[in-house]
C-alpha atoms as a PDB file:
ATOM      1  CA  MET A   1       0.120  -0.129  -0.170  1.00  0.00           C
ATOM      2  CA  SER A   2       1.091   3.822  -1.136  1.00  0.00           C
ATOM      3  CA  LEU A   3       1.867   5.725   2.147  1.00  0.00           C
ATOM      4  CA  PHE A   4      -0.537   7.709   1.814  1.00  0.00           C
ATOM      5  CA  GLY A   5      -2.923   4.992   1.443  1.00  0.00           C
ATOM      6  CA  LYS A   6      -1.519   4.157   4.704  1.00  0.00           C
ATOM      7  CA  ILE A   7      -2.230   7.602   6.534  1.00  0.00           C
ATOM      8  CA  MET A   8      -5.565   6.766   4.746  1.00  0.00           C
ATOM      9  CA  GLU A   9      -6.266   3.968   6.529  1.00  0.00           C
ATOM     10  CA  LYS A  10      -5.001   4.656  10.059  1.00  0.00           C
ATOM     11  CA  LEU A  11      -7.790   7.910   9.810  1.00  0.00           C
ATOM     12  CA  GLY A  12     -10.841   4.894   9.041  1.00  0.00           C
ATOM     13  CA  PHE A  13     -11.133   5.799   5.325  1.00  0.00           C
ATOM     14  CA  LYS A  14     -13.491   3.262   3.575  1.00  0.00           C
ATOM     15  CA  LYS A  15     -11.456   0.930   1.430  1.00  0.00           C
ATOM     16  CA  GLU A  16     -13.037   2.066  -2.024  1.00  0.00           C
ATOM     17  CA  VAL A  17     -12.113   5.306  -1.248  1.00  0.00           C
ATOM     18  CA  ILE A  18      -8.133   4.765  -0.356  1.00  0.00           C
ATOM     19  CA  LYS A  19      -7.923   2.440  -3.402  1.00  0.00           C
ATOM     20  CA  GLU A  20      -9.559   5.389  -6.057  1.00  0.00           C
ATOM     21  CA  ALA A  21      -7.462   8.430  -4.024  1.00  0.00           C
ATOM     22  CA  THR A  22      -4.219   6.062  -4.550  1.00  0.00           C
ATOM     23  CA  ALA A  23      -4.954   4.577  -8.265  1.00  0.00           C
ATOM     24  CA  ALA A  24      -2.627   5.327 -10.366  1.00  0.00           C
ATOM     25  CA  LYS A  25      -3.503   8.365 -12.647  1.00  0.00           C
ATOM     26  CA  PRO A  26      -2.886   7.746 -16.838  1.00  0.00           C
ATOM     27  CA  ALA A  27      -0.139   9.732 -17.234  1.00  0.00           C
ATOM     28  CA  SER A  28      -1.605  10.789 -21.308  1.00  0.00           C
ATOM     29  CA  ALA A  29      -4.025  13.015 -21.621  1.00  0.00           C
ATOM     30  CA  PRO A  30      -7.197  12.256 -23.712  1.00  0.00           C
ATOM     31  CA  SER A  31      -6.690  12.430 -27.885  1.00  0.00           C
ATOM     32  CA  PRO A  32      -7.782  14.922 -29.826  1.00  0.00           C
ATOM     33  CA  THR A  33      -9.636  12.663 -32.556  1.00  0.00           C
ATOM     34  CA  SER A  34     -11.782  11.153 -29.707  1.00  0.00           C
ATOM     35  CA  THR A  35     -15.500  11.772 -29.444  1.00  0.00           C
ATOM     36  CA  TYR A  36     -17.732  13.370 -26.788  1.00  0.00           C
ATOM     37  CA  LYS A  37     -20.094  11.167 -25.525  1.00  0.00           C
ATOM     38  CA  PRO A  38     -22.816  13.171 -23.670  1.00  0.00           C
ATOM     39  CA  ASP A  39     -24.676   9.616 -22.722  1.00  0.00           C
ATOM     40  CA  ILE A  40     -21.681   7.925 -20.749  1.00  0.00           C
ATOM     41  CA  MET A  41     -21.361   9.808 -17.094  1.00  0.00           C
ATOM     42  CA  PRO A  42     -18.453   9.551 -15.265  1.00  0.00           C
ATOM     43  CA  LYS A  43     -18.784   7.135 -12.130  1.00  0.00           C
ATOM     44  CA  PRO A  44     -19.180   9.494  -9.167  1.00  0.00           C
ATOM     45  CA  LYS A  45     -15.678   9.059  -6.546  1.00  0.00           C
ATOM     46  CA  PRO A  46     -17.247   7.062  -3.126  1.00  0.00           C
ATOM     47  CA  MET A  47     -17.072   9.641  -0.255  1.00  0.00           C
ATOM     48  CA  SER A  48     -16.129   8.887   3.048  1.00  0.00           C
ATOM     49  CA  GLN A  49     -16.554  12.126   5.614  1.00  0.00           C
ATOM     50  CA  VAL A  50     -13.989  11.308   7.918  1.00  0.00           C
ATOM     51  CA  ASP A  51     -13.525  14.103  10.743  1.00  0.00           C
ATOM     52  CA  VAL A  52      -9.599  14.065  10.174  1.00  0.00           C
ATOM     53  CA  VAL A  53      -8.964  16.704  12.677  1.00  0.00           C
ATOM     54  CA  ALA A  54     -11.105  15.228  15.625  1.00  0.00           C
ATOM     55  CA  LYS A  55      -9.263  11.774  15.258  1.00  0.00           C
ATOM     56  CA  LEU A  56      -5.752  13.206  15.333  1.00  0.00           C
ATOM     57  CA  ASP A  57      -6.429  15.291  17.973  1.00  0.00           C
ATOM     58  CA  GLY A  58      -7.919  12.442  19.900  1.00  0.00           C
ATOM     59  CA  MET A  59      -4.808  10.854  18.993  1.00  0.00           C
ATOM     60  CA  ALA A  60      -2.876  13.166  19.764  1.00  0.00           C
ATOM     61  CA  ALA A  61      -4.406  13.557  23.469  1.00  0.00           C
ATOM     62  CA  LYS A  62      -3.733   9.997  24.052  1.00  0.00           C
ATOM     63  CA  ASN A  63       0.329  10.371  22.804  1.00  0.00           C
ATOM     64  CA  PRO A  64       2.504  10.965  25.408  1.00  0.00           C
ATOM     65  CA  GLN A  65       4.398  12.813  23.012  1.00  0.00           C
ATOM     66  CA  GLU A  66       3.673  16.724  22.390  1.00  0.00           C
ATOM     67  CA  LEU A  67       3.385  16.340  18.456  1.00  0.00           C
ATOM     68  CA  ASN A  68       2.001  19.284  16.522  1.00  0.00           C
ATOM     69  CA  TRP A  69       0.329  17.879  13.735  1.00  0.00           C
ATOM     70  CA  LYS A  70      -1.680  20.718  12.377  1.00  0.00           C
ATOM     71  CA  ARG A  71       2.193  22.003  11.284  1.00  0.00           C
ATOM     72  CA  SER A  72       4.520  19.122  10.878  1.00  0.00           C
ATOM     73  CA  ILE A  73       4.160  16.881   8.228  1.00  0.00           C
ATOM     74  CA  VAL A  74       6.773  15.004  10.924  1.00  0.00           C
ATOM     75  CA  ASP A  75       4.088  14.698  13.785  1.00  0.00           C
ATOM     76  CA  LEU A  76       1.779  14.466  11.457  1.00  0.00           C
ATOM     77  CA  LEU A  77       3.375  10.740  10.540  1.00  0.00           C
ATOM     78  CA  LYS A  78       4.575  10.472  13.837  1.00  0.00           C
ATOM     79  CA  LEU A  79       0.869  10.347  15.809  1.00  0.00           C
ATOM     80  CA  LEU A  80      -0.036   8.170  12.934  1.00  0.00           C
ATOM     81  CA  ASP A  81       2.415   5.824  13.452  1.00  0.00           C
ATOM     82  CA  ILE A  82       4.068   6.035   9.704  1.00  0.00           C
ATOM     83  CA  ASP A  83       7.476   5.852   9.483  1.00  0.00           C
ATOM     84  CA  SER A  84       8.500   9.558   9.500  1.00  0.00           C
ATOM     85  CA  SER A  85      12.248   9.707   8.199  1.00  0.00           C
ATOM     86  CA  TYR A  86      13.404  11.968   5.379  1.00  0.00           C
ATOM     87  CA  GLU A  87      13.392   9.311   2.969  1.00  0.00           C
ATOM     88  CA  ALA A  88      10.127   8.183   3.975  1.00  0.00           C
ATOM     89  CA  ARG A  89       9.043  11.661   3.570  1.00  0.00           C
ATOM     90  CA  LYS A  90      10.740  11.807   0.196  1.00  0.00           C
ATOM     91  CA  GLU A  91       8.972   8.873  -1.413  1.00  0.00           C
ATOM     92  CA  LEU A  92       5.995  10.407  -0.032  1.00  0.00           C
ATOM     93  CA  ALA A  93       6.418  13.592  -1.630  1.00  0.00           C
ATOM     94  CA  THR A  94       7.257  11.895  -4.764  1.00  0.00           C
ATOM     95  CA  GLU A  95       3.898   9.210  -4.697  1.00  0.00           C
ATOM     96  CA  LEU A  96       1.760  12.973  -4.099  1.00  0.00           C
ATOM     97  CA  HIS A  97       3.795  14.731  -7.072  1.00  0.00           C
ATOM     98  CA  CYS A  98       5.790  17.272  -5.674  1.00  0.00           C
ATOM     99  CA  PRO A  99       7.764  20.061  -7.375  1.00  0.00           C
ATOM    100  CA  ALA A 100      11.621  19.231  -8.139  1.00  0.00           C
ATOM    101  CA  ASP A 101      12.844  22.174  -6.969  1.00  0.00           C
ATOM    102  CA  LEU A 102      11.120  21.672  -3.401  1.00  0.00           C
ATOM    103  CA  MET A 103      12.481  17.986  -3.143  1.00  0.00           C
ATOM    104  CA  ASP A 104      16.155  19.301  -2.895  1.00  0.00           C
ATOM    105  CA  ASP A 105      14.910  21.863   0.782  1.00  0.00           C
ATOM    106  CA  SER A 106      13.980  19.282   3.283  1.00  0.00           C
ATOM    107  CA  ALA A 107      12.142  22.552   4.653  1.00  0.00           C
ATOM    108  CA  LYS A 108      10.151  23.702   1.945  1.00  0.00           C
ATOM    109  CA  MET A 109       9.110  20.115   0.719  1.00  0.00           C
ATOM    110  CA  ASN A 110       7.864  19.431   4.290  1.00  0.00           C
ATOM    111  CA  THR A 111       5.888  22.384   4.400  1.00  0.00           C
ATOM    112  CA  TRP A 112       4.396  21.458   0.979  1.00  0.00           C
ATOM    113  CA  LEU A 113       4.047  18.082   1.986  1.00  0.00           C
ATOM    114  CA  HIS A 114       2.162  18.949   5.079  1.00  0.00           C
ATOM    115  CA  LYS A 115      -0.270  20.885   2.791  1.00  0.00           C
ATOM    116  CA  ALA A 116      -0.740  18.249   0.247  1.00  0.00           C
ATOM    117  CA  VAL A 117      -1.587  15.873   2.558  1.00  0.00           C
ATOM    118  CA  LEU A 118      -4.092  17.846   4.124  1.00  0.00           C
ATOM    119  CA  ARG A 119      -5.660  18.707   0.717  1.00  0.00           C
ATOM    120  CA  LYS A 120      -5.531  15.706  -0.499  1.00  0.00           C
ATOM    121  CA  LEU A 121      -7.395  13.959   2.477  1.00  0.00           C
ATOM    122  CA  ALA A 122     -10.209  16.499   1.769  1.00  0.00           C
ATOM    123  CA  GLU A 123     -10.158  16.430  -1.852  1.00  0.00           C
ATOM    124  CA  ASN A 124     -11.235  12.213  -0.757  1.00  0.00           C
ATOM    125  CA  GLY A 125     -14.148  13.095   2.118  1.00  0.00           C
ATOM    126  CA  GLY A 126     -11.347  14.487   4.573  1.00  0.00           C
ATOM    127  CA  ASN A 127     -13.192  16.751   6.815  1.00  0.00           C
ATOM    128  CA  VAL A 128     -10.423  19.313   7.087  1.00  0.00           C
ATOM    129  CA  PRO A 129     -10.482  23.000   8.164  1.00  0.00           C
ATOM    130  CA  LYS A 130     -10.091  25.703   5.863  1.00  0.00           C
ATOM    131  CA  GLU A 131      -7.631  27.405   7.764  1.00  0.00           C
ATOM    132  CA  LEU A 132      -5.415  23.393   7.576  1.00  0.00           C
ATOM    133  CA  LEU A 133      -5.613  23.601   3.834  1.00  0.00           C
ATOM    134  CA  ASP A 134      -4.186  27.496   3.091  1.00  0.00           C
END
């Protein structure tokens, strides 16, 4: 399972939502010669309302360490009991398509990664407040 899939699993997302969120997306765009077929509707994405803040705050309250998951990707991963090493974060950043220019600066990559994880959780049905996404 992908690292992002593990994050979703630890937060209680449904298996079908995890599968959809972590599925490899096709690299190529549709052919310009393809025809639009209005009678074919895309399959709706399964939604799973997961209160991300409540779950993480609950985990943090039970954790002996003071982890600032709202600001730190390292603390977020530690709270979920997922490898938070630089190598693991770099793998997660690659999985979430971090811009190449940020990959060589760990502080910038970490900031981008934290926002990207929370944004992607929200996109897949996680209830994440706007102030954590900005």
